[in-house]
Amino acid sequence: MQQDSLHRAAFEEAERTNSSSVNMGVLKLVTSETIYVNGQSVWTNLTFNRANYLIKEPLEKTDWQITSDTKQMLGQTCQKATGIVKGRKYTAWFTTDIPASFGPWKLHGLPGLILEAYDETGRIRFTCTRIVPETDLPSTLTLNPPADATATTLKDYQRMVTAYREGLLANAGNADDVAVDNATINSARFNSPDRGPKINYPLN
């Protein structure tokens, strides 16, 4: 959210000053998907080719092994648990002071909120850096999936992505598919009309 707001401010400043360049700053690594938990289902929101898709999966149960190890995080007493999620072994630190059985990504099922989690290889790590009271949340924040998202399955979504990429490779040398979005000639900038998002390989 913070990164999005900074980028939005950078674009607005460039537009206000009529600048042809935008300083995006340092891009922080973030997950490319948004997860929604609804009852016994998990909805994953993915954006591809400027279109939203919702992939539904069952809410899988994790066999967490809770230990007696504890540590302090953000003023909360956290307890350690380990479990296998999507084939990876995770260590999670959760707090029962916040009795919400949720966590980052698809980690859930503990008797408290997960504030930190990482896999045994150390390649994946989620860390809560701040707890924001509900009264301080922005009014634009919503917990509902995008209304314009297309519901599909993971298999169909992957099939669409594969077909799109194969189509790009097949037409890599086809001049008919080349389009110029903007150009700068003698310091004057020319923009083509907005053609809008197009789904080359829609889901059936």
N, C-alpha and C. Protein backbone atom coordinates (compact mmCIF):
# COMPACT_ATOMS: atom_id res chain seq x y z
N MET A 1 0.83 -1.20 0.00
CA MET A 1 0.00 0.00 0.00
C MET A 1 0.87 1.25 0.00
N GLN A 2 1.93 1.24 0.81
CA GLN A 2 2.81 2.39 0.87
C GLN A 2 3.50 2.61 -0.46
N GLN A 3 3.97 1.53 -1.08
CA GLN A 3 4.66 1.66 -2.36
C GLN A 3 3.71 2.17 -3.44
N ASP A 4 2.49 1.66 -3.46
CA ASP A 4 1.50 2.12 -4.44
C ASP A 4 1.22 3.60 -4.29
N SER A 5 1.10 4.08 -3.04
CA SER A 5 0.81 5.49 -2.82
C SER A 5 1.98 6.37 -3.27
N LEU A 6 3.21 5.91 -3.05
CA LEU A 6 4.39 6.66 -3.49
C LEU A 6 4.45 6.73 -5.01
N HIS A 7 4.15 5.61 -5.67
CA HIS A 7 4.16 5.60 -7.13
C HIS A 7 3.07 6.51 -7.69
N ARG A 8 1.91 6.49 -7.07
CA ARG A 8 0.81 7.35 -7.52
C ARG A 8 1.19 8.83 -7.38
N ALA A 9 1.85 9.17 -6.27
CA ALA A 9 2.28 10.55 -6.06
C ALA A 9 3.33 10.95 -7.09
N ALA A 10 4.22 10.00 -7.45
CA ALA A 10 5.26 10.29 -8.44
C ALA A 10 4.64 10.57 -9.81
N PHE A 11 3.64 9.79 -10.20
CA PHE A 11 2.96 10.01 -11.48
C PHE A 11 2.20 11.33 -11.48
N GLU A 12 1.54 11.65 -10.36
CA GLU A 12 0.79 12.90 -10.28
C GLU A 12 1.72 14.10 -10.36
N GLU A 13 2.91 14.00 -9.73
CA GLU A 13 3.88 15.08 -9.78
C GLU A 13 4.42 15.26 -11.20
N ALA A 14 4.68 14.15 -11.89
CA ALA A 14 5.17 14.23 -13.27
C ALA A 14 4.11 14.85 -14.18
N GLU A 15 2.85 14.51 -13.94
CA GLU A 15 1.78 15.10 -14.75
C GLU A 15 1.63 16.58 -14.45
N ARG A 16 1.75 16.96 -13.17
CA ARG A 16 1.59 18.36 -12.78
C ARG A 16 2.68 19.23 -13.39
N THR A 17 3.92 18.71 -13.44
CA THR A 17 5.05 19.48 -13.96
C THR A 17 5.29 19.23 -15.44
N ASN A 18 4.40 18.41 -16.07
CA ASN A 18 4.53 18.10 -17.48
C ASN A 18 5.89 17.47 -17.79
N SER A 19 6.34 16.61 -16.90
CA SER A 19 7.63 15.94 -17.05
C SER A 19 7.46 14.65 -17.85
N SER A 20 8.45 14.34 -18.69
CA SER A 20 8.40 13.12 -19.50
C SER A 20 9.07 11.95 -18.80
N SER A 21 9.58 12.16 -17.57
CA SER A 21 10.21 11.08 -16.82
C SER A 21 9.60 11.01 -15.42
N VAL A 22 9.58 9.79 -14.88
CA VAL A 22 9.00 9.56 -13.55
C VAL A 22 10.02 8.80 -12.71
N ASN A 23 10.34 9.35 -11.55
CA ASN A 23 11.26 8.68 -10.63
C ASN A 23 10.47 7.71 -9.77
N MET A 24 10.61 6.40 -10.05
CA MET A 24 9.85 5.38 -9.34
C MET A 24 10.52 4.97 -8.03
N GLY A 25 11.74 5.46 -7.79
CA GLY A 25 12.44 5.09 -6.56
C GLY A 25 12.87 3.64 -6.59
N VAL A 26 13.10 3.08 -5.44
CA VAL A 26 13.51 1.68 -5.32
C VAL A 26 12.27 0.81 -5.17
N LEU A 27 12.13 -0.15 -6.08
CA LEU A 27 10.97 -1.03 -6.04
C LEU A 27 11.19 -2.12 -4.99
N LYS A 28 10.26 -2.22 -4.04
CA LYS A 28 10.34 -3.26 -3.03
C LYS A 28 9.73 -4.55 -3.57
N LEU A 29 10.29 -5.68 -3.17
CA LEU A 29 9.76 -6.96 -3.60
C LEU A 29 8.44 -7.23 -2.89
N VAL A 30 7.41 -7.51 -3.65
CA VAL A 30 6.11 -7.83 -3.09
C VAL A 30 5.56 -9.05 -3.82
N THR A 31 4.59 -9.71 -3.20
CA THR A 31 3.98 -10.85 -3.86
C THR A 31 3.15 -10.38 -5.04
N SER A 32 3.07 -11.20 -6.09
CA SER A 32 2.36 -10.81 -7.30
C SER A 32 0.89 -11.20 -7.24
N GLU A 33 0.43 -11.70 -6.11
CA GLU A 33 -0.94 -12.15 -6.01
C GLU A 33 -1.57 -11.63 -4.71
N THR A 34 -2.88 -11.53 -4.73
CA THR A 34 -3.62 -11.13 -3.54
C THR A 34 -4.51 -12.30 -3.14
N ILE A 35 -4.51 -12.64 -1.85
CA ILE A 35 -5.24 -13.80 -1.37
C ILE A 35 -6.48 -13.37 -0.60
N TYR A 36 -7.62 -13.99 -0.91
CA TYR A 36 -8.86 -13.77 -0.18
C TYR A 36 -9.33 -15.11 0.38
N VAL A 37 -9.66 -15.14 1.66
CA VAL A 37 -10.18 -16.35 2.29
C VAL A 37 -11.67 -16.15 2.55
N ASN A 38 -12.46 -17.08 2.04
CA ASN A 38 -13.92 -16.96 2.17
C ASN A 38 -14.48 -18.32 2.55
N GLY A 39 -14.84 -18.49 3.83
CA GLY A 39 -15.40 -19.76 4.26
C GLY A 39 -14.38 -20.87 4.16
N GLN A 40 -14.66 -21.85 3.32
CA GLN A 40 -13.75 -22.98 3.14
C GLN A 40 -12.97 -22.88 1.84
N SER A 41 -12.91 -21.69 1.25
CA SER A 41 -12.23 -21.51 -0.03
C SER A 41 -11.18 -20.41 0.05
N VAL A 42 -10.19 -20.51 -0.83
CA VAL A 42 -9.18 -19.48 -1.00
C VAL A 42 -9.28 -18.97 -2.42
N TRP A 43 -9.38 -17.65 -2.56
CA TRP A 43 -9.42 -17.03 -3.88
C TRP A 43 -8.12 -16.27 -4.09
N THR A 44 -7.41 -16.61 -5.18
CA THR A 44 -6.17 -15.93 -5.52
C THR A 44 -6.42 -14.98 -6.68
N ASN A 45 -6.15 -13.70 -6.45
CA ASN A 45 -6.34 -12.68 -7.48
C ASN A 45 -5.02 -12.45 -8.20
N LEU A 46 -4.99 -12.73 -9.50
CA LEU A 46 -3.80 -12.53 -10.34
C LEU A 46 -4.15 -11.57 -11.47
N THR A 47 -3.19 -10.75 -11.84
CA THR A 47 -3.37 -9.83 -12.97
C THR A 47 -2.47 -10.27 -14.11
N PHE A 48 -3.07 -10.46 -15.28
CA PHE A 48 -2.29 -10.86 -16.46
C PHE A 48 -2.79 -10.07 -17.66
N ASN A 49 -1.86 -9.46 -18.36
CA ASN A 49 -2.20 -8.69 -19.56
C ASN A 49 -3.26 -7.63 -19.25
N ARG A 50 -3.09 -6.99 -18.05
CA ARG A 50 -3.95 -5.90 -17.60
C ARG A 50 -5.40 -6.33 -17.35
N ALA A 51 -5.60 -7.61 -17.04
CA ALA A 51 -6.92 -8.11 -16.69
C ALA A 51 -6.83 -8.91 -15.38
N ASN A 52 -7.90 -8.88 -14.58
CA ASN A 52 -7.94 -9.56 -13.30
C ASN A 52 -8.57 -10.94 -13.41
N TYR A 53 -7.97 -11.89 -12.69
CA TYR A 53 -8.51 -13.25 -12.65
C TYR A 53 -8.57 -13.73 -11.21
N LEU A 54 -9.60 -14.50 -10.89
CA LEU A 54 -9.77 -15.09 -9.57
C LEU A 54 -9.72 -16.60 -9.69
N ILE A 55 -8.77 -17.21 -8.97
CA ILE A 55 -8.61 -18.65 -9.00
C ILE A 55 -9.06 -19.22 -7.66
N LYS A 56 -10.04 -20.10 -7.69
CA LYS A 56 -10.60 -20.67 -6.48
C LYS A 56 -9.93 -22.01 -6.15
N GLU A 57 -9.56 -22.16 -4.87
CA GLU A 57 -8.98 -23.40 -4.38
C GLU A 57 -9.62 -23.75 -3.04
N PRO A 58 -9.64 -25.03 -2.68
CA PRO A 58 -10.15 -25.38 -1.35
C PRO A 58 -9.18 -24.90 -0.27
N LEU A 59 -9.70 -24.58 0.90
CA LEU A 59 -8.88 -24.13 2.01
C LEU A 59 -8.24 -25.37 2.66
N GLU A 60 -6.99 -25.63 2.31
CA GLU A 60 -6.32 -26.83 2.79
C GLU A 60 -5.95 -26.70 4.26
N LYS A 61 -6.08 -27.80 4.98
CA LYS A 61 -5.74 -27.82 6.40
C LYS A 61 -4.26 -28.14 6.56
N THR A 62 -3.57 -27.38 7.41
CA THR A 62 -2.15 -27.60 7.69
C THR A 62 -2.01 -28.27 9.05
N ASP A 63 -1.24 -29.34 9.09
CA ASP A 63 -1.00 -30.05 10.35
C ASP A 63 0.15 -29.36 11.10
N TRP A 64 -0.19 -28.26 11.78
CA TRP A 64 0.83 -27.50 12.51
C TRP A 64 1.28 -28.23 13.77
N GLN A 65 2.58 -28.19 14.02
CA GLN A 65 3.15 -28.71 15.26
C GLN A 65 3.58 -27.50 16.11
N ILE A 66 2.82 -27.23 17.17
CA ILE A 66 3.09 -26.07 18.01
C ILE A 66 4.10 -26.43 19.10
N THR A 67 5.13 -25.59 19.24
CA THR A 67 6.16 -25.84 20.23
C THR A 67 6.00 -24.85 21.40
N SER A 68 6.87 -25.00 22.38
CA SER A 68 6.82 -24.11 23.56
C SER A 68 7.72 -22.89 23.39
N ASP A 69 8.42 -22.77 22.25
CA ASP A 69 9.31 -21.63 22.01
C ASP A 69 8.50 -20.36 21.83
N THR A 70 8.97 -19.28 22.43
CA THR A 70 8.29 -17.99 22.31
C THR A 70 9.30 -16.88 22.03
N LYS A 71 8.80 -15.77 21.47
CA LYS A 71 9.61 -14.56 21.30
C LYS A 71 8.68 -13.37 21.18
N GLN A 72 9.24 -12.18 21.35
CA GLN A 72 8.46 -10.95 21.30
C GLN A 72 8.56 -10.33 19.90
N MET A 73 7.42 -9.94 19.36
CA MET A 73 7.36 -9.23 18.09
C MET A 73 6.30 -8.15 18.17
N LEU A 74 6.69 -6.91 17.90
CA LEU A 74 5.75 -5.78 17.88
C LEU A 74 4.94 -5.69 19.17
N GLY A 75 5.59 -6.02 20.29
CA GLY A 75 4.90 -5.95 21.56
C GLY A 75 3.99 -7.12 21.84
N GLN A 76 3.99 -8.14 20.97
CA GLN A 76 3.15 -9.32 21.12
C GLN A 76 4.01 -10.53 21.47
N THR A 77 3.51 -11.41 22.33
CA THR A 77 4.18 -12.66 22.62
C THR A 77 3.80 -13.68 21.56
N CYS A 78 4.80 -14.16 20.83
CA CYS A 78 4.55 -15.09 19.73
C CYS A 78 5.06 -16.49 20.09
N GLN A 79 4.35 -17.49 19.58
CA GLN A 79 4.71 -18.88 19.81
C GLN A 79 5.08 -19.52 18.48
N LYS A 80 5.98 -20.48 18.52
CA LYS A 80 6.52 -21.11 17.32
C LYS A 80 5.70 -22.33 16.91
N ALA A 81 5.53 -22.50 15.60
CA ALA A 81 4.86 -23.68 15.05
C ALA A 81 5.53 -24.03 13.72
N THR A 82 5.51 -25.30 13.36
CA THR A 82 6.05 -25.74 12.08
C THR A 82 5.00 -26.57 11.35
N GLY A 83 5.03 -26.52 10.01
CA GLY A 83 4.08 -27.29 9.23
C GLY A 83 4.43 -27.28 7.76
N ILE A 84 3.83 -28.19 7.00
CA ILE A 84 4.05 -28.30 5.57
C ILE A 84 2.91 -27.63 4.82
N VAL A 85 3.26 -26.65 3.99
CA VAL A 85 2.27 -25.93 3.19
C VAL A 85 2.73 -25.91 1.74
N LYS A 86 1.92 -26.46 0.85
CA LYS A 86 2.25 -26.50 -0.57
C LYS A 86 3.61 -27.14 -0.81
N GLY A 87 3.93 -28.17 -0.03
CA GLY A 87 5.18 -28.91 -0.23
C GLY A 87 6.39 -28.31 0.44
N ARG A 88 6.24 -27.16 1.08
CA ARG A 88 7.37 -26.53 1.77
C ARG A 88 7.16 -26.58 3.28
N LYS A 89 8.27 -26.78 4.00
CA LYS A 89 8.20 -26.76 5.45
C LYS A 89 8.39 -25.34 5.95
N TYR A 90 7.39 -24.85 6.69
CA TYR A 90 7.41 -23.48 7.19
C TYR A 90 7.53 -23.46 8.72
N THR A 91 8.22 -22.44 9.19
CA THR A 91 8.20 -22.09 10.61
C THR A 91 7.38 -20.82 10.73
N ALA A 92 6.40 -20.84 11.62
CA ALA A 92 5.52 -19.68 11.81
C ALA A 92 5.54 -19.25 13.26
N TRP A 93 5.52 -17.94 13.46
CA TRP A 93 5.42 -17.36 14.80
C TRP A 93 4.09 -16.64 14.87
N PHE A 94 3.22 -17.09 15.78
CA PHE A 94 1.87 -16.54 15.87
C PHE A 94 1.59 -16.04 17.28
N THR A 95 0.64 -15.14 17.39
CA THR A 95 0.26 -14.59 18.68
C THR A 95 -1.22 -14.82 18.95
N THR A 96 -1.51 -15.39 20.11
CA THR A 96 -2.91 -15.59 20.51
C THR A 96 -3.51 -14.31 21.07
N ASP A 97 -2.65 -13.28 21.25
CA ASP A 97 -3.17 -11.97 21.69
C ASP A 97 -4.08 -11.38 20.62
N ILE A 98 -3.87 -11.81 19.36
CA ILE A 98 -4.75 -11.42 18.26
C ILE A 98 -5.38 -12.72 17.75
N PRO A 99 -6.52 -13.12 18.29
CA PRO A 99 -7.09 -14.45 18.01
C PRO A 99 -7.74 -14.57 16.64
N ALA A 100 -6.97 -14.24 15.58
CA ALA A 100 -7.45 -14.39 14.21
C ALA A 100 -6.63 -15.50 13.56
N SER A 101 -7.31 -16.52 13.07
CA SER A 101 -6.60 -17.69 12.53
C SER A 101 -6.15 -17.45 11.10
N PHE A 102 -5.38 -16.39 10.90
CA PHE A 102 -4.92 -16.03 9.56
C PHE A 102 -3.42 -15.75 9.57
N GLY A 103 -2.88 -15.56 8.37
CA GLY A 103 -1.47 -15.24 8.23
C GLY A 103 -1.19 -14.79 6.81
N PRO A 104 0.08 -14.56 6.49
CA PRO A 104 0.42 -14.12 5.13
C PRO A 104 0.25 -15.24 4.12
N TRP A 105 0.03 -14.84 2.88
CA TRP A 105 -0.11 -15.77 1.76
C TRP A 105 -1.19 -16.79 2.07
N LYS A 106 -0.92 -18.08 2.01
CA LYS A 106 -1.91 -19.12 2.26
C LYS A 106 -1.66 -19.83 3.58
N LEU A 107 -0.93 -19.15 4.48
CA LEU A 107 -0.65 -19.74 5.78
C LEU A 107 -1.78 -19.37 6.74
N HIS A 108 -2.36 -20.36 7.39
CA HIS A 108 -3.49 -20.12 8.28
C HIS A 108 -3.65 -21.35 9.17
N GLY A 109 -4.65 -21.31 10.04
CA GLY A 109 -5.01 -22.49 10.81
C GLY A 109 -4.43 -22.58 12.20
N LEU A 110 -3.68 -21.55 12.63
CA LEU A 110 -3.15 -21.52 13.99
C LEU A 110 -4.10 -20.72 14.89
N PRO A 111 -4.05 -20.95 16.20
CA PRO A 111 -4.98 -20.24 17.10
C PRO A 111 -4.57 -18.81 17.39
N GLY A 112 -4.14 -18.10 16.37
CA GLY A 112 -3.72 -16.71 16.52
C GLY A 112 -3.14 -16.21 15.21
N LEU A 113 -2.91 -14.92 15.13
CA LEU A 113 -2.40 -14.29 13.91
C LEU A 113 -0.91 -14.57 13.73
N ILE A 114 -0.52 -14.99 12.53
CA ILE A 114 0.89 -15.25 12.21
C ILE A 114 1.57 -13.92 11.90
N LEU A 115 2.60 -13.58 12.68
CA LEU A 115 3.34 -12.33 12.46
C LEU A 115 4.64 -12.55 11.70
N GLU A 116 5.11 -13.78 11.65
CA GLU A 116 6.32 -14.08 10.88
C GLU A 116 6.28 -15.54 10.43
N ALA A 117 6.77 -15.78 9.21
CA ALA A 117 6.83 -17.14 8.69
C ALA A 117 7.93 -17.22 7.65
N TYR A 118 8.62 -18.36 7.62
CA TYR A 118 9.68 -18.56 6.63
C TYR A 118 9.84 -20.05 6.37
N ASP A 119 10.30 -20.38 5.15
CA ASP A 119 10.49 -21.79 4.83
C ASP A 119 11.89 -22.22 5.27
N GLU A 120 12.13 -23.52 5.25
CA GLU A 120 13.37 -24.05 5.79
C GLU A 120 14.59 -23.69 4.95
N THR A 121 14.40 -23.30 3.68
CA THR A 121 15.53 -22.91 2.85
C THR A 121 15.93 -21.46 3.07
N GLY A 122 15.03 -20.68 3.66
CA GLY A 122 15.32 -19.27 3.88
C GLY A 122 15.03 -18.40 2.67
N ARG A 123 14.52 -18.99 1.58
CA ARG A 123 14.25 -18.22 0.36
C ARG A 123 12.95 -17.44 0.47
N ILE A 124 12.01 -17.93 1.28
CA ILE A 124 10.72 -17.26 1.43
C ILE A 124 10.57 -16.82 2.88
N ARG A 125 10.25 -15.54 3.08
CA ARG A 125 10.06 -15.02 4.43
C ARG A 125 8.99 -13.94 4.41
N PHE A 126 8.08 -14.04 5.35
CA PHE A 126 7.05 -13.03 5.57
C PHE A 126 7.25 -12.49 6.97
N THR A 127 7.30 -11.16 7.12
CA THR A 127 7.46 -10.55 8.42
C THR A 127 6.51 -9.37 8.56
N CYS A 128 5.72 -9.38 9.63
CA CYS A 128 4.84 -8.24 9.92
C CYS A 128 5.69 -7.13 10.51
N THR A 129 5.61 -5.94 9.93
CA THR A 129 6.42 -4.81 10.39
C THR A 129 5.62 -3.79 11.17
N ARG A 130 4.28 -3.87 11.09
CA ARG A 130 3.45 -2.88 11.78
C ARG A 130 2.04 -3.40 11.91
N ILE A 131 1.41 -3.13 13.03
CA ILE A 131 0.01 -3.48 13.24
C ILE A 131 -0.79 -2.18 13.22
N VAL A 132 -1.70 -2.05 12.27
CA VAL A 132 -2.46 -0.82 12.08
C VAL A 132 -3.87 -1.00 12.63
N PRO A 133 -4.31 -0.14 13.54
CA PRO A 133 -5.69 -0.23 14.05
C PRO A 133 -6.69 -0.03 12.93
N GLU A 134 -7.84 -0.66 13.07
CA GLU A 134 -8.87 -0.58 12.03
C GLU A 134 -9.28 0.86 11.76
N THR A 135 -9.25 1.70 12.78
CA THR A 135 -9.67 3.09 12.61
C THR A 135 -8.69 3.89 11.76
N ASP A 136 -7.45 3.38 11.59
CA ASP A 136 -6.45 4.10 10.81
C ASP A 136 -6.34 3.60 9.37
N LEU A 137 -7.15 2.62 9.00
CA LEU A 137 -7.07 2.08 7.64
C LEU A 137 -7.64 3.08 6.64
N PRO A 138 -7.06 3.15 5.43
CA PRO A 138 -7.58 4.08 4.41
C PRO A 138 -8.99 3.69 4.00
N SER A 139 -9.79 4.70 3.69
CA SER A 139 -11.19 4.45 3.33
C SER A 139 -11.31 3.69 2.02
N THR A 140 -10.26 3.74 1.19
CA THR A 140 -10.31 3.06 -0.11
C THR A 140 -10.01 1.58 0.00
N LEU A 141 -9.55 1.12 1.17
CA LEU A 141 -9.19 -0.29 1.34
C LEU A 141 -10.45 -1.14 1.40
N THR A 142 -10.47 -2.22 0.65
CA THR A 142 -11.59 -3.14 0.66
C THR A 142 -11.08 -4.57 0.79
N LEU A 143 -11.86 -5.39 1.45
CA LEU A 143 -11.51 -6.81 1.60
C LEU A 143 -12.23 -7.67 0.59
N ASN A 144 -12.92 -7.05 -0.35
CA ASN A 144 -13.66 -7.78 -1.38
C ASN A 144 -12.79 -7.96 -2.63
N PRO A 145 -12.88 -9.12 -3.28
CA PRO A 145 -12.15 -9.33 -4.54
C PRO A 145 -12.60 -8.32 -5.60
N PRO A 146 -11.77 -8.04 -6.59
CA PRO A 146 -12.14 -7.10 -7.65
C PRO A 146 -13.43 -7.52 -8.36
N ALA A 147 -14.32 -6.58 -8.53
CA ALA A 147 -15.62 -6.89 -9.16
C ALA A 147 -15.46 -7.25 -10.63
N ASP A 148 -14.38 -6.79 -11.27
CA ASP A 148 -14.20 -7.04 -12.70
C ASP A 148 -13.39 -8.31 -12.97
N ALA A 149 -13.07 -9.08 -11.92
CA ALA A 149 -12.22 -10.26 -12.09
C ALA A 149 -13.01 -11.41 -12.72
N THR A 150 -12.32 -12.18 -13.55
CA THR A 150 -12.90 -13.36 -14.19
C THR A 150 -12.56 -14.59 -13.36
N ALA A 151 -13.58 -15.32 -12.90
CA ALA A 151 -13.36 -16.54 -12.11
C ALA A 151 -12.92 -17.67 -13.03
N THR A 152 -11.88 -18.38 -12.63
CA THR A 152 -11.36 -19.47 -13.45
C THR A 152 -10.65 -20.48 -12.55
N THR A 153 -10.06 -21.48 -13.16
CA THR A 153 -9.30 -22.48 -12.42
C THR A 153 -7.82 -22.25 -12.68
N LEU A 154 -6.97 -22.81 -11.82
CA LEU A 154 -5.53 -22.66 -12.00
C LEU A 154 -5.09 -23.29 -13.31
N LYS A 155 -5.68 -24.43 -13.67
CA LYS A 155 -5.31 -25.12 -14.91
C LYS A 155 -5.62 -24.25 -16.13
N ASP A 156 -6.82 -23.67 -16.16
CA ASP A 156 -7.20 -22.83 -17.30
C ASP A 156 -6.37 -21.55 -17.35
N TYR A 157 -6.06 -20.99 -16.17
CA TYR A 157 -5.24 -19.77 -16.13
C TYR A 157 -3.85 -20.05 -16.70
N GLN A 158 -3.24 -21.14 -16.27
CA GLN A 158 -1.90 -21.49 -16.77
C GLN A 158 -1.93 -21.80 -18.26
N ARG A 159 -3.03 -22.41 -18.72
CA ARG A 159 -3.17 -22.69 -20.16
C ARG A 159 -3.24 -21.39 -20.95
N MET A 160 -3.95 -20.39 -20.44
CA MET A 160 -4.04 -19.10 -21.11
C MET A 160 -2.68 -18.41 -21.17
N VAL A 161 -1.94 -18.42 -20.04
CA VAL A 161 -0.63 -17.78 -20.00
C VAL A 161 0.32 -18.45 -20.98
N THR A 162 0.30 -19.79 -21.01
CA THR A 162 1.18 -20.53 -21.92
C THR A 162 0.85 -20.21 -23.38
N ALA A 163 -0.45 -20.18 -23.71
CA ALA A 163 -0.86 -19.88 -25.08
C ALA A 163 -0.45 -18.48 -25.49
N TYR A 164 -0.56 -17.54 -24.55
CA TYR A 164 -0.18 -16.15 -24.84
C TYR A 164 1.32 -16.05 -25.14
N ARG A 165 2.13 -16.69 -24.30
CA ARG A 165 3.59 -16.63 -24.49
C ARG A 165 4.02 -17.34 -25.75
N GLU A 166 3.39 -18.46 -26.05
CA GLU A 166 3.72 -19.17 -27.29
C GLU A 166 3.33 -18.32 -28.50
N GLY A 167 2.22 -17.58 -28.37
CA GLY A 167 1.80 -16.70 -29.45
C GLY A 167 2.78 -15.56 -29.68
N LEU A 168 3.35 -15.03 -28.58
CA LEU A 168 4.36 -13.97 -28.71
C LEU A 168 5.60 -14.48 -29.42
N LEU A 169 6.03 -15.69 -29.06
CA LEU A 169 7.21 -16.26 -29.69
C LEU A 169 6.97 -16.54 -31.17
N ALA A 170 5.77 -17.03 -31.49
CA ALA A 170 5.46 -17.37 -32.87
C ALA A 170 5.39 -16.13 -33.76
N ASN A 171 4.96 -14.99 -33.17
CA ASN A 171 4.79 -13.76 -33.95
C ASN A 171 5.89 -12.74 -33.70
N ALA A 172 7.02 -13.21 -33.14
CA ALA A 172 8.09 -12.28 -32.77
C ALA A 172 8.60 -11.49 -33.96
N GLY A 173 8.58 -12.09 -35.15
CA GLY A 173 9.11 -11.40 -36.32
C GLY A 173 8.05 -10.85 -37.24
N ASN A 174 6.82 -10.81 -36.82
CA ASN A 174 5.71 -10.36 -37.64
C ASN A 174 5.50 -8.86 -37.47
N ALA A 175 5.81 -8.10 -38.48
CA ALA A 175 5.72 -6.64 -38.39
C ALA A 175 4.29 -6.16 -38.22
N ASP A 176 3.30 -7.02 -38.61
CA ASP A 176 1.90 -6.60 -38.49
C ASP A 176 1.49 -6.44 -37.04
N ASP A 177 2.24 -7.10 -36.11
CA ASP A 177 1.87 -7.04 -34.70
C ASP A 177 2.62 -5.95 -33.95
N VAL A 178 3.42 -5.15 -34.66
CA VAL A 178 4.20 -4.11 -34.01
C VAL A 178 3.39 -2.82 -33.96
N ALA A 179 3.34 -2.22 -32.78
CA ALA A 179 2.62 -0.95 -32.61
C ALA A 179 3.46 -0.03 -31.76
N VAL A 180 3.44 1.27 -32.10
CA VAL A 180 4.19 2.27 -31.34
C VAL A 180 3.23 2.98 -30.41
N ASP A 181 3.50 2.87 -29.09
CA ASP A 181 2.63 3.52 -28.11
C ASP A 181 2.94 5.00 -27.98
N ASN A 182 4.24 5.36 -28.03
CA ASN A 182 4.60 6.77 -27.97
C ASN A 182 5.97 6.96 -28.60
N ALA A 183 6.24 8.17 -28.99
CA ALA A 183 7.51 8.48 -29.62
C ALA A 183 7.89 9.92 -29.30
N THR A 184 9.19 10.20 -29.27
CA THR A 184 9.69 11.55 -29.05
C THR A 184 10.49 11.99 -30.27
N ILE A 185 10.04 13.05 -30.92
CA ILE A 185 10.69 13.56 -32.13
C ILE A 185 11.00 15.03 -31.92
N ASN A 186 12.31 15.36 -31.95
CA ASN A 186 12.73 16.74 -31.73
C ASN A 186 12.12 17.31 -30.45
N SER A 187 12.23 16.52 -29.38
CA SER A 187 11.77 16.91 -28.04
C SER A 187 10.25 16.97 -27.91
N ALA A 188 9.53 16.68 -28.99
CA ALA A 188 8.06 16.67 -28.93
C ALA A 188 7.60 15.23 -28.76
N ARG A 189 6.69 15.01 -27.82
CA ARG A 189 6.22 13.66 -27.52
C ARG A 189 4.86 13.41 -28.15
N PHE A 190 4.74 12.26 -28.81
CA PHE A 190 3.49 11.90 -29.47
C PHE A 190 3.00 10.57 -28.89
N ASN A 191 1.73 10.55 -28.52
CA ASN A 191 1.14 9.35 -27.96
C ASN A 191 0.07 8.81 -28.90
N SER A 192 0.03 7.50 -29.04
CA SER A 192 -1.02 6.90 -29.85
C SER A 192 -2.30 6.82 -29.04
N PRO A 193 -3.44 6.72 -29.71
CA PRO A 193 -4.71 6.61 -28.97
C PRO A 193 -4.68 5.37 -28.08
N ASP A 194 -5.31 5.48 -26.93
CA ASP A 194 -5.36 4.36 -25.99
C ASP A 194 -6.24 3.26 -26.56
N ARG A 195 -5.60 2.13 -26.84
CA ARG A 195 -6.35 1.02 -27.42
C ARG A 195 -7.06 0.20 -26.34
N GLY A 196 -6.70 0.44 -25.07
CA GLY A 196 -7.36 -0.28 -23.98
C GLY A 196 -6.83 -1.70 -23.88
N PRO A 197 -7.08 -2.33 -22.72
CA PRO A 197 -6.60 -3.69 -22.53
C PRO A 197 -7.32 -4.67 -23.44
N LYS A 198 -6.57 -5.65 -23.95
CA LYS A 198 -7.14 -6.69 -24.80
C LYS A 198 -6.68 -8.04 -24.30
N ILE A 199 -7.60 -8.98 -24.22
CA ILE A 199 -7.26 -10.33 -23.82
C ILE A 199 -7.07 -11.16 -25.08
N ASN A 200 -5.84 -11.54 -25.38
CA ASN A 200 -5.58 -12.26 -26.61
C ASN A 200 -6.06 -13.70 -26.56
N TYR A 201 -6.03 -14.27 -25.34
CA TYR A 201 -6.43 -15.66 -25.20
C TYR A 201 -7.44 -15.75 -24.06
N PRO A 202 -8.69 -15.35 -24.30
CA PRO A 202 -9.68 -15.37 -23.21
C PRO A 202 -9.95 -16.79 -22.76
N LEU A 203 -10.38 -16.90 -21.50
CA LEU A 203 -10.70 -18.21 -20.95
C LEU A 203 -12.06 -18.67 -21.48
N ASN A 204 -12.16 -19.95 -21.67
CA ASN A 204 -13.46 -20.50 -22.12
C ASN A 204 -14.34 -20.76 -20.91
